[in-house]
Amino acid sequence: MSSNKGVLDLVAAGDIDAIQAVRQAGRDIGEVLAHCVSVLNPSMIIIGGSLSHAGRHLLAGVREVVHAQAMPFSTQQLEIVRANAPDLAAITGAAALAIDRLLTPTPPSML
């Protein structure tokens, strides 16, 4: 979190330029996620990492673009939230994928 600490401190202090920069970062992330949402149709996106400590400002930018650019059907029930343990989000997500992969039954081969 140290690389973003200065920005996060400014956001927490209400610095308009820092808030706008974080919101724009959210929009940039949202552009990529909008395509993913249209293709994968997830029910939830969990944002983690050090910048996610900016909270609502980052999420507002992500939501703005995802809801504007993704297929409407894909965003009807979509939740975009901050990870409970944002600094462990990548590890937690990888573990969840591995567990899901291991516990999902393999379909029979097509002959």
C-alpha atoms as a PDB file:
ATOM      1  CA  MET A   1       0.000   0.000   0.000  1.00  0.00           C
ATOM      2  CA  SER A   2       2.984   2.317   0.434  1.00  0.00           C
ATOM      3  CA  SER A   3       3.145   3.359  -3.238  1.00  0.00           C
ATOM      4  CA  ASN A   4      -0.408   4.704  -3.105  1.00  0.00           C
ATOM      5  CA  LYS A   5      -0.318   5.960   0.485  1.00  0.00           C
ATOM      6  CA  GLY A   6       0.185   9.600  -0.513  1.00  0.00           C
ATOM      7  CA  VAL A   7      -2.797   9.516  -2.870  1.00  0.00           C
ATOM      8  CA  LEU A   8      -4.910   7.670  -0.322  1.00  0.00           C
ATOM      9  CA  ASP A   9      -4.016  10.205   2.367  1.00  0.00           C
ATOM     10  CA  LEU A  10      -5.043  13.028   0.029  1.00  0.00           C
ATOM     11  CA  VAL A  11      -8.324  11.283  -0.802  1.00  0.00           C
ATOM     12  CA  ALA A  12      -9.034  10.772   2.900  1.00  0.00           C
ATOM     13  CA  ALA A  13      -8.345  14.476   3.462  1.00  0.00           C
ATOM     14  CA  GLY A  14     -10.857  15.378   0.731  1.00  0.00           C
ATOM     15  CA  ASP A  15      -8.360  16.653  -1.856  1.00  0.00           C
ATOM     16  CA  ILE A  16     -10.435  17.186  -5.021  1.00  0.00           C
ATOM     17  CA  ASP A  17      -7.545  16.506  -7.447  1.00  0.00           C
ATOM     18  CA  ALA A  18      -6.713  13.207  -5.728  1.00  0.00           C
ATOM     19  CA  ILE A  19     -10.382  12.176  -5.662  1.00  0.00           C
ATOM     20  CA  GLN A  20     -10.728  12.966  -9.374  1.00  0.00           C
ATOM     21  CA  ALA A  21      -7.556  10.987 -10.152  1.00  0.00           C
ATOM     22  CA  VAL A  22      -8.838   7.961  -8.228  1.00  0.00           C
ATOM     23  CA  ARG A  23     -12.242   8.223  -9.891  1.00  0.00           C
ATOM     24  CA  GLN A  24     -10.520   8.325 -13.300  1.00  0.00           C
ATOM     25  CA  ALA A  25      -8.482   5.265 -12.334  1.00  0.00           C
ATOM     26  CA  GLY A  26     -11.796   3.568 -11.558  1.00  0.00           C
ATOM     27  CA  ARG A  27     -13.127   4.544 -14.984  1.00  0.00           C
ATOM     28  CA  ASP A  28     -10.012   3.118 -16.635  1.00  0.00           C
ATOM     29  CA  ILE A  29     -10.422  -0.152 -14.735  1.00  0.00           C
ATOM     30  CA  GLY A  30     -14.129  -0.103 -15.583  1.00  0.00           C
ATOM     31  CA  GLU A  31     -13.399   0.005 -19.320  1.00  0.00           C
ATOM     32  CA  VAL A  32     -11.585  -3.314 -19.127  1.00  0.00           C
ATOM     33  CA  LEU A  33     -14.126  -4.827 -16.761  1.00  0.00           C
ATOM     34  CA  ALA A  34     -17.056  -3.798 -18.992  1.00  0.00           C
ATOM     35  CA  HIS A  35     -15.805  -6.139 -21.706  1.00  0.00           C
ATOM     36  CA  CYS A  36     -15.276  -8.934 -19.180  1.00  0.00           C
ATOM     37  CA  VAL A  37     -18.780  -8.455 -17.791  1.00  0.00           C
ATOM     38  CA  SER A  38     -20.343  -8.617 -21.260  1.00  0.00           C
ATOM     39  CA  VAL A  39     -18.541 -11.872 -22.036  1.00  0.00           C
ATOM     40  CA  LEU A  40     -18.508 -13.637 -18.659  1.00  0.00           C
ATOM     41  CA  ASN A  41     -21.710 -12.286 -17.073  1.00  0.00           C
ATOM     42  CA  PRO A  42     -20.464 -12.477 -13.449  1.00  0.00           C
ATOM     43  CA  SER A  43     -22.776 -11.813 -10.532  1.00  0.00           C
ATOM     44  CA  MET A  44     -20.086  -9.959  -8.588  1.00  0.00           C
ATOM     45  CA  ILE A  45     -16.829  -8.086  -9.139  1.00  0.00           C
ATOM     46  CA  ILE A  46     -14.639  -7.695  -6.084  1.00  0.00           C
ATOM     47  CA  ILE A  47     -12.042  -4.911  -6.274  1.00  0.00           C
ATOM     48  CA  GLY A  48      -8.890  -5.407  -4.216  1.00  0.00           C
ATOM     49  CA  GLY A  49      -5.350  -4.151  -4.061  1.00  0.00           C
ATOM     50  CA  SER A  50      -3.896  -1.087  -2.432  1.00  0.00           C
ATOM     51  CA  LEU A  51      -5.822   1.448  -4.509  1.00  0.00           C
ATOM     52  CA  SER A  52      -9.107  -0.098  -3.408  1.00  0.00           C
ATOM     53  CA  HIS A  53      -8.519   1.592  -0.043  1.00  0.00           C
ATOM     54  CA  ALA A  54      -9.810   4.723  -1.811  1.00  0.00           C
ATOM     55  CA  GLY A  55     -13.197   3.023  -1.467  1.00  0.00           C
ATOM     56  CA  ARG A  56     -16.260   4.701  -2.864  1.00  0.00           C
ATOM     57  CA  HIS A  57     -14.360   7.051  -5.181  1.00  0.00           C
ATOM     58  CA  LEU A  58     -12.663   4.189  -7.035  1.00  0.00           C
ATOM     59  CA  LEU A  59     -15.824   2.063  -7.068  1.00  0.00           C
ATOM     60  CA  ALA A  60     -17.908   4.960  -8.390  1.00  0.00           C
ATOM     61  CA  GLY A  61     -15.632   5.270 -11.422  1.00  0.00           C
ATOM     62  CA  VAL A  62     -15.690   1.514 -12.051  1.00  0.00           C
ATOM     63  CA  ARG A  63     -19.480   1.312 -11.733  1.00  0.00           C
ATOM     64  CA  GLU A  64     -20.013   4.364 -13.953  1.00  0.00           C
ATOM     65  CA  VAL A  65     -18.211   2.824 -16.913  1.00  0.00           C
ATOM     66  CA  VAL A  66     -19.228  -0.812 -16.422  1.00  0.00           C
ATOM     67  CA  HIS A  67     -22.925   0.090 -16.314  1.00  0.00           C
ATOM     68  CA  ALA A  68     -22.575   2.429 -19.293  1.00  0.00           C
ATOM     69  CA  GLN A  69     -20.579   0.096 -21.545  1.00  0.00           C
ATOM     70  CA  ALA A  70     -21.418  -3.519 -20.631  1.00  0.00           C
ATOM     71  CA  MET A  71     -24.384  -5.375 -22.039  1.00  0.00           C
ATOM     72  CA  PRO A  72     -27.454  -4.284 -20.037  1.00  0.00           C
ATOM     73  CA  PHE A  73     -28.525  -7.865 -19.276  1.00  0.00           C
ATOM     74  CA  SER A  74     -25.098  -8.535 -17.748  1.00  0.00           C
ATOM     75  CA  THR A  75     -25.325  -5.633 -15.309  1.00  0.00           C
ATOM     76  CA  GLN A  76     -28.883  -6.116 -14.010  1.00  0.00           C
ATOM     77  CA  GLN A  77     -27.846  -8.154 -10.976  1.00  0.00           C
ATOM     78  CA  LEU A  78     -24.139  -7.253 -10.965  1.00  0.00           C
ATOM     79  CA  GLU A  79     -22.567  -6.152  -7.688  1.00  0.00           C
ATOM     80  CA  ILE A  80     -19.271  -4.252  -7.691  1.00  0.00           C
ATOM     81  CA  VAL A  81     -17.766  -4.188  -4.219  1.00  0.00           C
ATOM     82  CA  ARG A  82     -14.486  -3.648  -2.387  1.00  0.00           C
ATOM     83  CA  ALA A  83     -12.735  -6.724  -1.012  1.00  0.00           C
ATOM     84  CA  ASN A  84     -12.974  -7.252   2.745  1.00  0.00           C
ATOM     85  CA  ALA A  85      -9.206  -7.838   2.825  1.00  0.00           C
ATOM     86  CA  PRO A  86      -8.100  -5.786  -0.200  1.00  0.00           C
ATOM     87  CA  ASP A  87      -4.405  -6.513   0.212  1.00  0.00           C
ATOM     88  CA  LEU A  88      -5.105 -10.260   0.043  1.00  0.00           C
ATOM     89  CA  ALA A  89      -7.620 -10.117  -2.818  1.00  0.00           C
ATOM     90  CA  ALA A  90      -5.392 -11.720  -5.455  1.00  0.00           C
ATOM     91  CA  ILE A  91      -4.438 -14.630  -3.222  1.00  0.00           C
ATOM     92  CA  THR A  92      -8.020 -15.117  -2.045  1.00  0.00           C
ATOM     93  CA  GLY A  93      -9.336 -15.039  -5.622  1.00  0.00           C
ATOM     94  CA  ALA A  94      -6.729 -17.524  -6.837  1.00  0.00           C
ATOM     95  CA  ALA A  95      -7.557 -19.864  -3.962  1.00  0.00           C
ATOM     96  CA  ALA A  96     -11.285 -19.627  -4.717  1.00  0.00           C
ATOM     97  CA  LEU A  97     -10.670 -20.450  -8.391  1.00  0.00           C
ATOM     98  CA  ALA A  98      -8.483 -23.424  -7.474  1.00  0.00           C
ATOM     99  CA  ILE A  99     -11.064 -24.764  -5.023  1.00  0.00           C
ATOM    100  CA  ASP A 100     -13.864 -24.297  -7.548  1.00  0.00           C
ATOM    101  CA  ARG A 101     -11.826 -26.089 -10.219  1.00  0.00           C
ATOM    102  CA  LEU A 102     -11.064 -28.999  -7.898  1.00  0.00           C
ATOM    103  CA  LEU A 103     -14.633 -29.413  -6.676  1.00  0.00           C
ATOM    104  CA  THR A 104     -16.408 -29.034 -10.020  1.00  0.00           C
ATOM    105  CA  PRO A 105     -17.272 -32.428 -11.474  1.00  0.00           C
ATOM    106  CA  THR A 106     -15.685 -33.152 -14.845  1.00  0.00           C
ATOM    107  CA  PRO A 107     -18.330 -33.722 -17.537  1.00  0.00           C
ATOM    108  CA  PRO A 108     -18.120 -37.000 -19.438  1.00  0.00           C
ATOM    109  CA  SER A 109     -16.140 -36.865 -22.677  1.00  0.00           C
ATOM    110  CA  MET A 110     -18.020 -36.332 -25.895  1.00  0.00           C
ATOM    111  CA  LEU A 111     -17.474 -39.296 -28.225  1.00  0.00           C
END
